[in-house]
């Protein structure tokens, strides 16, 4: 996909998968993400963006929610510990847009 997109003149922001609740599944995802990152660095016009830290604690553990200013816990993931819910999708989307604006100097 990276080859096809860049050959067509596109610039690509490849978004890596987030941490998962299951430690063994997270280990597999981390391996896949390292492949994506390596491939992105070998393709001009492709930037790898890690979403891992958005859904991890500061110590690197799975975090399925966040706390709002009132102290209420807001879930970011579905109960399966894999899929993002609406809040997680919003968090990831805003983060990706912020990265795109910085990378491509968009207003």
PDB file of N, CA and C in Angstrom:
ATOM      1  N   UNK A   1       0.815  -1.191   0.000  1.00  0.00           N
ATOM      2  CA  UNK A   1       0.000   0.000   0.000  1.00  0.00           C
ATOM      3  C   UNK A   1       0.863   1.262   0.000  1.00  0.00           C
ATOM      4  N   UNK A   2       1.945   1.224   0.762  1.00  0.00           N
ATOM      5  CA  UNK A   2       2.827   2.390   0.813  1.00  0.00           C
ATOM      6  C   UNK A   2       3.407   2.669  -0.564  1.00  0.00           C
ATOM      7  N   UNK A   3       3.853   1.608  -1.259  1.00  0.00           N
ATOM      8  CA  UNK A   3       4.385   1.771  -2.615  1.00  0.00           C
ATOM      9  C   UNK A   3       3.349   2.368  -3.548  1.00  0.00           C
ATOM     10  N   UNK A   4       2.156   1.804  -3.539  1.00  0.00           N
ATOM     11  CA  UNK A   4       1.096   2.261  -4.440  1.00  0.00           C
ATOM     12  C   UNK A   4       0.742   3.718  -4.178  1.00  0.00           C
ATOM     13  N   UNK A   5       0.599   4.074  -2.919  1.00  0.00           N
ATOM     14  CA  UNK A   5       0.219   5.451  -2.584  1.00  0.00           C
ATOM     15  C   UNK A   5       1.297   6.444  -2.987  1.00  0.00           C
ATOM     16  N   UNK A   6       2.553   6.142  -2.663  1.00  0.00           N
ATOM     17  CA  UNK A   6       3.622   7.094  -2.975  1.00  0.00           C
ATOM     18  C   UNK A   6       3.914   7.153  -4.471  1.00  0.00           C
ATOM     19  N   UNK A   7       3.773   6.034  -5.181  1.00  0.00           N
ATOM     20  CA  UNK A   7       3.945   6.063  -6.638  1.00  0.00           C
ATOM     21  C   UNK A   7       2.897   6.936  -7.306  1.00  0.00           C
ATOM     22  N   UNK A   8       1.718   7.028  -6.676  1.00  0.00           N
ATOM     23  CA  UNK A   8       0.641   7.872  -7.209  1.00  0.00           C
ATOM     24  C   UNK A   8       0.805   9.332  -6.785  1.00  0.00           C
ATOM     25  N   UNK A   9       1.869   9.621  -6.012  1.00  0.00           N
ATOM     26  CA  UNK A   9       2.139  10.999  -5.603  1.00  0.00           C
ATOM     27  C   UNK A   9       1.548  11.375  -4.255  1.00  0.00           C
ATOM     28  N   UNK A  10       0.948  10.430  -3.566  1.00  0.00           N
ATOM     29  CA  UNK A  10       0.349  10.732  -2.266  1.00  0.00           C
ATOM     30  C   UNK A  10       1.397  10.747  -1.166  1.00  0.00           C
ATOM     31  N   UNK A  11       1.138  11.525  -0.151  1.00  0.00           N
ATOM     32  CA  UNK A  11       1.895  11.455   1.087  1.00  0.00           C
ATOM     33  C   UNK A  11       1.020  10.679   2.067  1.00  0.00           C
ATOM     34  N   UNK A  12       1.639   9.863   2.889  1.00  0.00           N
ATOM     35  CA  UNK A  12       0.895   8.950   3.748  1.00  0.00           C
ATOM     36  C   UNK A  12       1.289   9.145   5.209  1.00  0.00           C
ATOM     37  N   UNK A  13       0.285   9.205   6.058  1.00  0.00           N
ATOM     38  CA  UNK A  13       0.492   9.131   7.497  1.00  0.00           C
ATOM     39  C   UNK A  13      -0.069   7.778   7.917  1.00  0.00           C
ATOM     40  N   UNK A  14       0.836   6.847   8.231  1.00  0.00           N
ATOM     41  CA  UNK A  14       0.437   5.490   8.592  1.00  0.00           C
ATOM     42  C   UNK A  14       0.249   5.454  10.102  1.00  0.00           C
ATOM     43  N   UNK A  15      -0.979   5.210  10.546  1.00  0.00           N
ATOM     44  CA  UNK A  15      -1.302   5.222  11.969  1.00  0.00           C
ATOM     45  C   UNK A  15      -1.158   3.809  12.530  1.00  0.00           C
ATOM     46  N   UNK A  16      -0.273   3.670  13.507  1.00  0.00           N
ATOM     47  CA  UNK A  16      -0.060   2.387  14.154  1.00  0.00           C
ATOM     48  C   UNK A  16      -1.214   2.027  15.075  1.00  0.00           C
ATOM     49  N   UNK A  17      -1.309   0.755  15.403  1.00  0.00           N
ATOM     50  CA  UNK A  17      -2.356   0.253  16.277  1.00  0.00           C
ATOM     51  C   UNK A  17      -2.063   0.639  17.736  1.00  0.00           C
ATOM     52  N   UNK A  18      -3.109   0.848  18.531  1.00  0.00           N
ATOM     53  CA  UNK A  18      -2.897   1.177  19.947  1.00  0.00           C
ATOM     54  C   UNK A  18      -2.622  -0.069  20.783  1.00  0.00           C
ATOM     55  N   UNK A  19      -2.161   0.153  21.989  1.00  0.00           N
ATOM     56  CA  UNK A  19      -1.983  -0.918  22.957  1.00  0.00           C
ATOM     57  C   UNK A  19      -3.318  -1.634  23.161  1.00  0.00           C
ATOM     58  N   UNK A  20      -3.255  -2.912  23.465  1.00  0.00           N
ATOM     59  CA  UNK A  20      -4.451  -3.722  23.707  1.00  0.00           C
ATOM     60  C   UNK A  20      -4.492  -4.140  25.178  1.00  0.00           C
ATOM     61  N   UNK A  21      -5.675  -4.512  25.643  1.00  0.00           N
ATOM     62  CA  UNK A  21      -5.809  -4.914  27.045  1.00  0.00           C
ATOM     63  C   UNK A  21      -5.051  -6.212  27.337  1.00  0.00           C
ATOM     64  N   UNK A  22      -5.109  -7.159  26.417  1.00  0.00           N
ATOM     65  CA  UNK A  22      -4.414  -8.432  26.590  1.00  0.00           C
ATOM     66  C   UNK A  22      -2.914  -8.233  26.369  1.00  0.00           C
ATOM     67  N   UNK A  23      -2.088  -8.563  27.365  1.00  0.00           N
ATOM     68  CA  UNK A  23      -0.641  -8.397  27.192  1.00  0.00           C
ATOM     69  C   UNK A  23      -0.078  -9.186  26.000  1.00  0.00           C
ATOM     70  N   UNK A  24      -0.571 -10.399  25.766  1.00  0.00           N
ATOM     71  CA  UNK A  24      -0.035 -11.175  24.642  1.00  0.00           C
ATOM     72  C   UNK A  24      -0.458 -10.577  23.304  1.00  0.00           C
ATOM     73  N   UNK A  25      -1.699 -10.100  23.219  1.00  0.00           N
ATOM     74  CA  UNK A  25      -2.158  -9.448  21.991  1.00  0.00           C
ATOM     75  C   UNK A  25      -1.391  -8.151  21.778  1.00  0.00           C
ATOM     76  N   UNK A  26      -1.147  -7.410  22.856  1.00  0.00           N
ATOM     77  CA  UNK A  26      -0.359  -6.178  22.755  1.00  0.00           C
ATOM     78  C   UNK A  26       1.039  -6.458  22.232  1.00  0.00           C
ATOM     79  N   UNK A  27       1.631  -7.554  22.683  1.00  0.00           N
ATOM     80  CA  UNK A  27       2.973  -7.913  22.201  1.00  0.00           C
ATOM     81  C   UNK A  27       2.946  -8.171  20.700  1.00  0.00           C
ATOM     82  N   UNK A  28       1.910  -8.859  20.229  1.00  0.00           N
ATOM     83  CA  UNK A  28       1.781  -9.108  18.787  1.00  0.00           C
ATOM     84  C   UNK A  28       1.580  -7.806  18.021  1.00  0.00           C
ATOM     85  N   UNK A  29       0.746  -6.926  18.552  1.00  0.00           N
ATOM     86  CA  UNK A  29       0.492  -5.634  17.904  1.00  0.00           C
ATOM     87  C   UNK A  29       1.775  -4.799  17.882  1.00  0.00           C
ATOM     88  N   UNK A  30       2.541  -4.837  18.957  1.00  0.00           N
ATOM     89  CA  UNK A  30       3.809  -4.086  18.994  1.00  0.00           C
ATOM     90  C   UNK A  30       4.754  -4.580  17.901  1.00  0.00           C
ATOM     91  N   UNK A  31       4.777  -5.879  17.669  1.00  0.00           N
ATOM     92  CA  UNK A  31       5.609  -6.433  16.594  1.00  0.00           C
ATOM     93  C   UNK A  31       5.139  -5.929  15.237  1.00  0.00           C
ATOM     94  N   UNK A  32       3.842  -5.966  15.012  1.00  0.00           N
ATOM     95  CA  UNK A  32       3.285  -5.477  13.750  1.00  0.00           C
ATOM     96  C   UNK A  32       3.588  -3.988  13.580  1.00  0.00           C
ATOM     97  N   UNK A  33       3.411  -3.211  14.650  1.00  0.00           N
ATOM     98  CA  UNK A  33       3.706  -1.779  14.580  1.00  0.00           C
ATOM     99  C   UNK A  33       5.168  -1.519  14.233  1.00  0.00           C
ATOM    100  N   UNK A  34       6.075  -2.332  14.757  1.00  0.00           N
ATOM    101  CA  UNK A  34       7.492  -2.121  14.435  1.00  0.00           C
ATOM    102  C   UNK A  34       7.759  -2.387  12.957  1.00  0.00           C
ATOM    103  N   UNK A  35       7.033  -3.338  12.381  1.00  0.00           N
ATOM    104  CA  UNK A  35       7.156  -3.589  10.937  1.00  0.00           C
ATOM    105  C   UNK A  35       6.621  -2.392  10.156  1.00  0.00           C
ATOM    106  N   UNK A  36       5.449  -1.892  10.548  1.00  0.00           N
ATOM    107  CA  UNK A  36       4.883  -0.709   9.880  1.00  0.00           C
ATOM    108  C   UNK A  36       5.845   0.473   9.961  1.00  0.00           C
ATOM    109  N   UNK A  37       6.413   0.699  11.135  1.00  0.00           N
ATOM    110  CA  UNK A  37       7.327   1.817  11.333  1.00  0.00           C
ATOM    111  C   UNK A  37       8.577   1.670  10.465  1.00  0.00           C
ATOM    112  N   UNK A  38       9.116   0.478  10.428  1.00  0.00           N
ATOM    113  CA  UNK A  38      10.300   0.220   9.610  1.00  0.00           C
ATOM    114  C   UNK A  38      10.003   0.424   8.127  1.00  0.00           C
ATOM    115  N   UNK A  39       8.891  -0.100   7.685  1.00  0.00           N
ATOM    116  CA  UNK A  39       8.509   0.071   6.280  1.00  0.00           C
ATOM    117  C   UNK A  39       8.274   1.545   5.950  1.00  0.00           C
ATOM    118  N   UNK A  40       7.618   2.266   6.839  1.00  0.00           N
ATOM    119  CA  UNK A  40       7.367   3.694   6.602  1.00  0.00           C
ATOM    120  C   UNK A  40       8.675   4.455   6.453  1.00  0.00           C
ATOM    121  N   UNK A  41       9.665   4.114   7.271  1.00  0.00           N
ATOM    122  CA  UNK A  41      10.939   4.834   7.188  1.00  0.00           C
ATOM    123  C   UNK A  41      11.693   4.523   5.906  1.00  0.00           C
ATOM    124  N   UNK A  42      11.328   3.445   5.236  1.00  0.00           N
ATOM    125  CA  UNK A  42      12.007   3.115   3.977  1.00  0.00           C
ATOM    126  C   UNK A  42      11.238   3.598   2.749  1.00  0.00           C
ATOM    127  N   UNK A  43      10.156   4.326   2.963  1.00  0.00           N
ATOM    128  CA  UNK A  43       9.364   4.864   1.852  1.00  0.00           C
ATOM    129  C   UNK A  43       9.303   6.390   1.958  1.00  0.00           C
ATOM    130  N   UNK A  44       9.910   7.063   1.010  1.00  0.00           N
ATOM    131  CA  UNK A  44       9.827   8.523   0.986  1.00  0.00           C
ATOM    132  C   UNK A  44       8.364   8.917   0.850  1.00  0.00           C
ATOM    133  N   UNK A  45       7.946   9.877   1.646  1.00  0.00           N
ATOM    134  CA  UNK A  45       6.563  10.335   1.590  1.00  0.00           C
ATOM    135  C   UNK A  45       5.643   9.632   2.572  1.00  0.00           C
ATOM    136  N   UNK A  46       6.192   8.691   3.360  1.00  0.00           N
ATOM    137  CA  UNK A  46       5.385   7.985   4.351  1.00  0.00           C
ATOM    138  C   UNK A  46       5.933   8.297   5.739  1.00  0.00           C
ATOM    139  N   UNK A  47       5.037   8.676   6.635  1.00  0.00           N
ATOM    140  CA  UNK A  47       5.386   8.936   8.022  1.00  0.00           C
ATOM    141  C   UNK A  47       4.589   7.979   8.899  1.00  0.00           C
ATOM    142  N   UNK A  48       5.259   7.355   9.842  1.00  0.00           N
ATOM    143  CA  UNK A  48       4.585   6.467  10.798  1.00  0.00           C
ATOM    144  C   UNK A  48       4.175   7.282  12.012  1.00  0.00           C
ATOM    145  N   UNK A  49       2.952   7.095  12.458  1.00  0.00           N
ATOM    146  CA  UNK A  49       2.436   7.774  13.644  1.00  0.00           C
ATOM    147  C   UNK A  49       2.005   6.722  14.657  1.00  0.00           C
ATOM    148  N   UNK A  50       2.598   6.733  15.821  1.00  0.00           N
ATOM    149  CA  UNK A  50       2.256   5.770  16.864  1.00  0.00           C
ATOM    150  C   UNK A  50       1.084   6.271  17.695  1.00  0.00           C
ATOM    151  N   UNK A  51       0.053   5.448  17.805  1.00  0.00           N
ATOM    152  CA  UNK A  51      -1.091   5.786  18.652  1.00  0.00           C
ATOM    153  C   UNK A  51      -0.982   5.109  20.018  1.00  0.00           C
ATOM    154  N   UNK A  52       0.082   4.365  20.234  1.00  0.00           N
ATOM    155  CA  UNK A  52       0.251   3.546  21.437  1.00  0.00           C
ATOM    156  C   UNK A  52       0.092   4.361  22.718  1.00  0.00           C
ATOM    157  N   UNK A  53       0.826   5.452  22.828  1.00  0.00           N
ATOM    158  CA  UNK A  53       0.838   6.240  24.070  1.00  0.00           C
ATOM    159  C   UNK A  53      -0.501   6.898  24.370  1.00  0.00           C
ATOM    160  N   UNK A  54      -1.325   7.109  23.349  1.00  0.00           N
ATOM    161  CA  UNK A  54      -2.643   7.711  23.588  1.00  0.00           C
ATOM    162  C   UNK A  54      -3.522   6.830  24.464  1.00  0.00           C
ATOM    163  N   UNK A  55      -3.284   5.531  24.409  1.00  0.00           N
ATOM    164  CA  UNK A  55      -4.135   4.579  25.111  1.00  0.00           C
ATOM    165  C   UNK A  55      -3.359   3.772  26.149  1.00  0.00           C
ATOM    166  N   UNK A  56      -2.243   4.304  26.594  1.00  0.00           N
ATOM    167  CA  UNK A  56      -1.413   3.658  27.609  1.00  0.00           C
ATOM    168  C   UNK A  56      -1.224   4.605  28.785  1.00  0.00           C
ATOM    169  N   UNK A  57      -0.950   4.023  29.944  1.00  0.00           N
ATOM    170  CA  UNK A  57      -0.621   4.830  31.114  1.00  0.00           C
ATOM    171  C   UNK A  57       0.788   5.385  30.937  1.00  0.00           C
ATOM    172  N   UNK A  58       1.177   6.354  31.767  1.00  0.00           N
ATOM    173  CA  UNK A  58       2.556   6.856  31.676  1.00  0.00           C
ATOM    174  C   UNK A  58       3.612   5.755  31.843  1.00  0.00           C
ATOM    175  N   UNK A  59       3.266   4.681  32.563  1.00  0.00           N
ATOM    176  CA  UNK A  59       4.220   3.575  32.730  1.00  0.00           C
ATOM    177  C   UNK A  59       4.126   2.542  31.609  1.00  0.00           C
ATOM    178  N   UNK A  60       3.257   2.807  30.597  1.00  0.00           N
ATOM    179  CA  UNK A  60       3.200   1.940  29.427  1.00  0.00           C
ATOM    180  C   UNK A  60       2.197   0.801  29.506  1.00  0.00           C
ATOM    181  N   UNK A  61       1.298   0.842  30.478  1.00  0.00           N
ATOM    182  CA  UNK A  61       0.285  -0.195  30.616  1.00  0.00           C
ATOM    183  C   UNK A  61      -0.992   0.218  29.882  1.00  0.00           C
ATOM    184  N   UNK A  62      -1.828  -0.764  29.573  1.00  0.00           N
ATOM    185  CA  UNK A  62      -3.118  -0.505  28.921  1.00  0.00           C
ATOM    186  C   UNK A  62      -3.953   0.451  29.760  1.00  0.00           C
ATOM    187  N   UNK A  63      -4.582   1.401  29.083  1.00  0.00           N
ATOM    188  CA  UNK A  63      -5.478   2.356  29.730  1.00  0.00           C
ATOM    189  C   UNK A  63      -6.740   2.448  28.886  1.00  0.00           C
ATOM    190  N   UNK A  64      -7.831   1.936  29.383  1.00  0.00           N
ATOM    191  CA  UNK A  64      -9.078   1.920  28.628  1.00  0.00           C
ATOM    192  C   UNK A  64      -9.934   3.146  28.817  1.00  0.00           C
ATOM    193  N   UNK A  65      -9.449   4.126  29.591  1.00  0.00           N
ATOM    194  CA  UNK A  65     -10.247   5.323  29.818  1.00  0.00           C
ATOM    195  C   UNK A  65      -9.393   6.495  30.226  1.00  0.00           C
ATOM    196  N   UNK A  66     -10.050   7.611  30.364  1.00  0.00           N
ATOM    197  CA  UNK A  66      -9.372   8.827  30.790  1.00  0.00           C
ATOM    198  C   UNK A  66     -10.270   9.533  31.797  1.00  0.00           C
ATOM    199  N   UNK A  67      -9.735  10.489  32.493  1.00  0.00           N
ATOM    200  CA  UNK A  67     -10.505  11.230  33.487  1.00  0.00           C
ATOM    201  C   UNK A  67     -10.725  12.645  32.982  1.00  0.00           C
ATOM    202  N   UNK A  68     -11.979  13.099  33.072  1.00  0.00           N
ATOM    203  CA  UNK A  68     -12.266  14.467  32.639  1.00  0.00           C
ATOM    204  C   UNK A  68     -11.959  15.440  33.776  1.00  0.00           C
ATOM    205  N   UNK A  69     -12.159  16.729  33.522  1.00  0.00           N
ATOM    206  CA  UNK A  69     -11.806  17.755  34.502  1.00  0.00           C
ATOM    207  C   UNK A  69     -12.626  17.642  35.786  1.00  0.00           C
ATOM    208  N   UNK A  70     -13.799  17.027  35.713  1.00  0.00           N
ATOM    209  CA  UNK A  70     -14.634  16.843  36.897  1.00  0.00           C
ATOM    210  C   UNK A  70     -14.270  15.587  37.675  1.00  0.00           C
ATOM    211  N   UNK A  71     -13.318  14.801  37.151  1.00  0.00           N
ATOM    212  CA  UNK A  71     -12.898  13.585  37.832  1.00  0.00           C
ATOM    213  C   UNK A  71     -13.661  12.349  37.423  1.00  0.00           C
ATOM    214  N   UNK A  72     -14.558  12.475  36.457  1.00  0.00           N
ATOM    215  CA  UNK A  72     -15.310  11.317  35.977  1.00  0.00           C
ATOM    216  C   UNK A  72     -14.459  10.530  34.983  1.00  0.00           C
ATOM    217  N   UNK A  73     -14.558   9.200  35.068  1.00  0.00           N
ATOM    218  CA  UNK A  73     -13.822   8.350  34.143  1.00  0.00           C
ATOM    219  C   UNK A  73     -14.618   8.224  32.851  1.00  0.00           C
ATOM    220  N   UNK A  74     -13.941   8.493  31.749  1.00  0.00           N
ATOM    221  CA  UNK A  74     -14.547   8.388  30.429  1.00  0.00           C
ATOM    222  C   UNK A  74     -13.902   7.222  29.698  1.00  0.00           C
ATOM    223  N   UNK A  75     -14.688   6.201  29.338  1.00  0.00           N
ATOM    224  CA  UNK A  75     -14.100   5.073  28.624  1.00  0.00           C
ATOM    225  C   UNK A  75     -13.674   5.469  27.212  1.00  0.00           C
ATOM    226  N   UNK A  76     -12.595   4.880  26.747  1.00  0.00           N
ATOM    227  CA  UNK A  76     -12.079   5.117  25.395  1.00  0.00           C
ATOM    228  C   UNK A  76     -12.148   3.865  24.532  1.00  0.00           C
ATOM    229  N   UNK A  77     -12.403   2.724  25.166  1.00  0.00           N
ATOM    230  CA  UNK A  77     -12.409   1.451  24.458  1.00  0.00           C
ATOM    231  C   UNK A  77     -13.714   0.707  24.725  1.00  0.00           C
ATOM    232  N   UNK A  78     -14.047  -0.190  23.817  1.00  0.00           N
ATOM    233  CA  UNK A  78     -15.154  -1.105  24.040  1.00  0.00           C
ATOM    234  C   UNK A  78     -14.739  -2.107  25.113  1.00  0.00           C
ATOM    235  N   UNK A  79     -15.713  -2.789  25.711  1.00  0.00           N
ATOM    236  CA  UNK A  79     -15.381  -3.758  26.771  1.00  0.00           C
ATOM    237  C   UNK A  79     -14.442  -4.881  26.336  1.00  0.00           C
ATOM    238  N   UNK A  80     -14.296  -5.113  25.029  1.00  0.00           N
ATOM    239  CA  UNK A  80     -13.402  -6.182  24.566  1.00  0.00           C
ATOM    240  C   UNK A  80     -11.923  -5.828  24.731  1.00  0.00           C
ATOM    241  N   UNK A  81     -11.617  -4.567  25.064  1.00  0.00           N
ATOM    242  CA  UNK A  81     -10.226  -4.162  25.246  1.00  0.00           C
ATOM    243  C   UNK A  81      -9.445  -4.046  23.954  1.00  0.00           C
ATOM    244  N   UNK A  82     -10.161  -4.079  22.842  1.00  0.00           N
ATOM    245  CA  UNK A  82      -9.522  -4.017  21.520  1.00  0.00           C
ATOM    246  C   UNK A  82     -10.000  -2.786  20.754  1.00  0.00           C
ATOM    247  N   UNK A  83     -11.286  -2.701  20.547  1.00  0.00           N
ATOM    248  CA  UNK A  83     -11.856  -1.660  19.693  1.00  0.00           C
ATOM    249  C   UNK A  83     -12.043  -0.344  20.449  1.00  0.00           C
ATOM    250  N   UNK A  84     -11.902   0.745  19.704  1.00  0.00           N
ATOM    251  CA  UNK A  84     -12.139   2.069  20.261  1.00  0.00           C
ATOM    252  C   UNK A  84     -13.636   2.340  20.292  1.00  0.00           C
ATOM    253  N   UNK A  85     -14.089   3.032  21.334  1.00  0.00           N
ATOM    254  CA  UNK A  85     -15.471   3.504  21.330  1.00  0.00           C
ATOM    255  C   UNK A  85     -15.484   4.926  20.770  1.00  0.00           C
ATOM    256  N   UNK A  86     -16.617   5.592  20.841  1.00  0.00           N
ATOM    257  CA  UNK A  86     -16.710   6.944  20.271  1.00  0.00           C
ATOM    258  C   UNK A  86     -15.672   7.892  20.874  1.00  0.00           C
ATOM    259  N   UNK A  87     -15.472   7.823  22.188  1.00  0.00           N
ATOM    260  CA  UNK A  87     -14.487   8.694  22.835  1.00  0.00           C
ATOM    261  C   UNK A  87     -13.076   8.400  22.371  1.00  0.00           C
ATOM    262  N   UNK A  88     -12.747   7.121  22.228  1.00  0.00           N
ATOM    263  CA  UNK A  88     -11.425   6.732  21.736  1.00  0.00           C
ATOM    264  C   UNK A  88     -11.211   7.145  20.299  1.00  0.00           C
ATOM    265  N   UNK A  89     -12.264   7.008  19.497  1.00  0.00           N
ATOM    266  CA  UNK A  89     -12.172   7.431  18.098  1.00  0.00           C
ATOM    267  C   UNK A  89     -11.950   8.932  18.004  1.00  0.00           C
ATOM    268  N   UNK A  90     -12.658   9.701  18.862  1.00  0.00           N
ATOM    269  CA  UNK A  90     -12.471  11.155  18.872  1.00  0.00           C
ATOM    270  C   UNK A  90     -11.049  11.516  19.276  1.00  0.00           C
ATOM    271  N   UNK A  91     -10.545  10.865  20.320  1.00  0.00           N
ATOM    272  CA  UNK A  91      -9.182  11.133  20.779  1.00  0.00           C
ATOM    273  C   UNK A  91      -8.169  10.837  19.682  1.00  0.00           C
ATOM    274  N   UNK A  92      -8.287   9.686  19.053  1.00  0.00           N
ATOM    275  CA  UNK A  92      -7.363   9.314  17.987  1.00  0.00           C
ATOM    276  C   UNK A  92      -7.500  10.259  16.794  1.00  0.00           C
ATOM    277  N   UNK A  93      -8.723  10.555  16.397  1.00  0.00           N
ATOM    278  CA  UNK A  93      -8.946  11.443  15.255  1.00  0.00           C
ATOM    279  C   UNK A  93      -8.347  12.819  15.466  1.00  0.00           C
ATOM    280  N   UNK A  94      -8.568  13.393  16.642  1.00  0.00           N
ATOM    281  CA  UNK A  94      -8.014  14.723  16.935  1.00  0.00           C
ATOM    282  C   UNK A  94      -6.488  14.688  16.958  1.00  0.00           C
ATOM    283  N   UNK A  95      -5.939  13.624  17.490  1.00  0.00           N
ATOM    284  CA  UNK A  95      -4.489  13.481  17.541  1.00  0.00           C
ATOM    285  C   UNK A  95      -3.891  13.363  16.133  1.00  0.00           C
ATOM    286  N   UNK A  96      -4.554  12.599  15.282  1.00  0.00           N
ATOM    287  CA  UNK A  96      -4.084  12.436  13.901  1.00  0.00           C
ATOM    288  C   UNK A  96      -4.183  13.757  13.140  1.00  0.00           C
ATOM    289  N   UNK A  97      -5.276  14.470  13.319  1.00  0.00           N
ATOM    290  CA  UNK A  97      -5.424  15.770  12.649  1.00  0.00           C
ATOM    291  C   UNK A  97      -4.328  16.731  13.116  1.00  0.00           C
ATOM    292  N   UNK A  98      -4.033  16.726  14.406  1.00  0.00           N
ATOM    293  CA  UNK A  98      -2.964  17.579  14.936  1.00  0.00           C
ATOM    294  C   UNK A  98      -1.628  17.218  14.282  1.00  0.00           C
ATOM    295  N   UNK A  99      -1.363  15.924  14.132  1.00  0.00           N
ATOM    296  CA  UNK A  99      -0.122  15.474  13.498  1.00  0.00           C
ATOM    297  C   UNK A  99      -0.069  15.887  12.026  1.00  0.00           C
ATOM    298  N   UNK A 100      -1.174  15.727  11.318  1.00  0.00           N
ATOM    299  CA  UNK A 100      -1.230  16.135   9.907  1.00  0.00           C
ATOM    300  C   UNK A 100      -0.978  17.631   9.757  1.00  0.00           C
ATOM    301  N   UNK A 101      -1.572  18.416  10.633  1.00  0.00           N
ATOM    302  CA  UNK A 101      -1.364  19.875  10.573  1.00  0.00           C
ATOM    303  C   UNK A 101       0.094  20.219  10.775  1.00  0.00           C
ATOM    304  N   UNK A 102       0.734  19.548  11.703  1.00  0.00           N
ATOM    305  CA  UNK A 102       2.149  19.830  11.972  1.00  0.00           C
ATOM    306  C   UNK A 102       3.019  19.344  10.817  1.00  0.00           C
ATOM    307  N   UNK A 103       2.792  18.129  10.347  1.00  0.00           N
ATOM    308  CA  UNK A 103       3.618  17.562   9.271  1.00  0.00           C
ATOM    309  C   UNK A 103       3.540  18.373   7.989  1.00  0.00           C
ATOM    310  N   UNK A 104       2.328  18.746   7.629  1.00  0.00           N
ATOM    311  CA  UNK A 104       2.105  19.371   6.325  1.00  0.00           C
ATOM    312  C   UNK A 104       1.794  20.859   6.406  1.00  0.00           C
ATOM    313  N   UNK A 105       2.030  21.425   7.594  1.00  0.00           N
ATOM    314  CA  UNK A 105       1.839  22.858   7.819  1.00  0.00           C
ATOM    315  C   UNK A 105       0.458  23.325   7.361  1.00  0.00           C
ATOM    316  N   UNK A 106      -0.550  22.606   7.819  1.00  0.00           N
ATOM    317  CA  UNK A 106      -1.938  22.942   7.486  1.00  0.00           C
ATOM    318  C   UNK A 106      -2.522  23.850   8.547  1.00  0.00           C
ATOM    319  N   UNK A 107      -3.449  24.685   8.145  1.00  0.00           N
ATOM    320  CA  UNK A 107      -4.102  25.558   9.128  1.00  0.00           C
ATOM    321  C   UNK A 107      -5.395  24.925   9.592  1.00  0.00           C
TER     322      UNK A 107
END
